[in-house]
């Protein structure tokens, strides 16, 4: 196992946080930022650093990863090259709702380019294998439900193209005309609907309180983001209803990730899988 570099948090200033950890800027080096995981997370930041380096070396736009580190209080993390003046597409939309169409189209363009990128499948996990594993480990679905979900996963098309793995519009940032994907710890490859399902989930299936807290906007604005994203991504010749019928089960599959993280059943998200169960 790679040995982490020891650092002092006295050299950093906290600027943000979420469910998985905190982000810091270096006090004297403006080009350095730190992503620090929650206590007890040791292997996860190392795995993400290795994965982020592979993705960066492929040429996918993402902040350059640096070192695997441990702080004086025993938490582990990753240092990245800082993107100056960055803003996420969710935060930008919340701050400038009149530009929702522009931001949704820019995000869709990023996703289209990502999902057209072919990867070396020996270097990354297949999205189907990931969901099979999550399904096996999930304690909240019955055996019959797992069989039905497993068949849906198996019947989905195969592809060797890139999958972000956590395609929230908060995980895409821009600075000027430059755009980047962040939080690539679930990067893999496979059919793009496994990825775009997360966009639909975050915009349309999540509760109002979650969208406001996580994406800094009311749900009505998130739905508007989706309504602009969908034609930009899928094309204007497909009715929105048809797109949503296709994507809803893939959005529902994200329940497996959420239930893994929360360790409790999420009935409001399972609605996306109603046609499977």
Foldseek 3Di string as FASTA:
>chain_A
DDDFAEDECVQWDWDAADDFFTKTAGPPDRFKIKTWGDPPPDVLQVLQLVVQCVCVVLVAFAFAWDTWHAYPVGITTTMTGDDPPKDFLLRVCLVPVVCLLVSLLVLLVSLLVQQVAADDQVVFPEPLVVLLVLLVPDPPDDPVLSVLLNVVSVPDDWDRTKAQQQPESRQWMDHVPDIHGDDSSRIGDTDHLLRCLNLCCLQPQDDQVCNCVPRVHGSVSSVVSVVSNVCSNVNPVDDPVVVLLVNLLSNLSCQSVVCVSVVDHDVSSNVSNVVRD
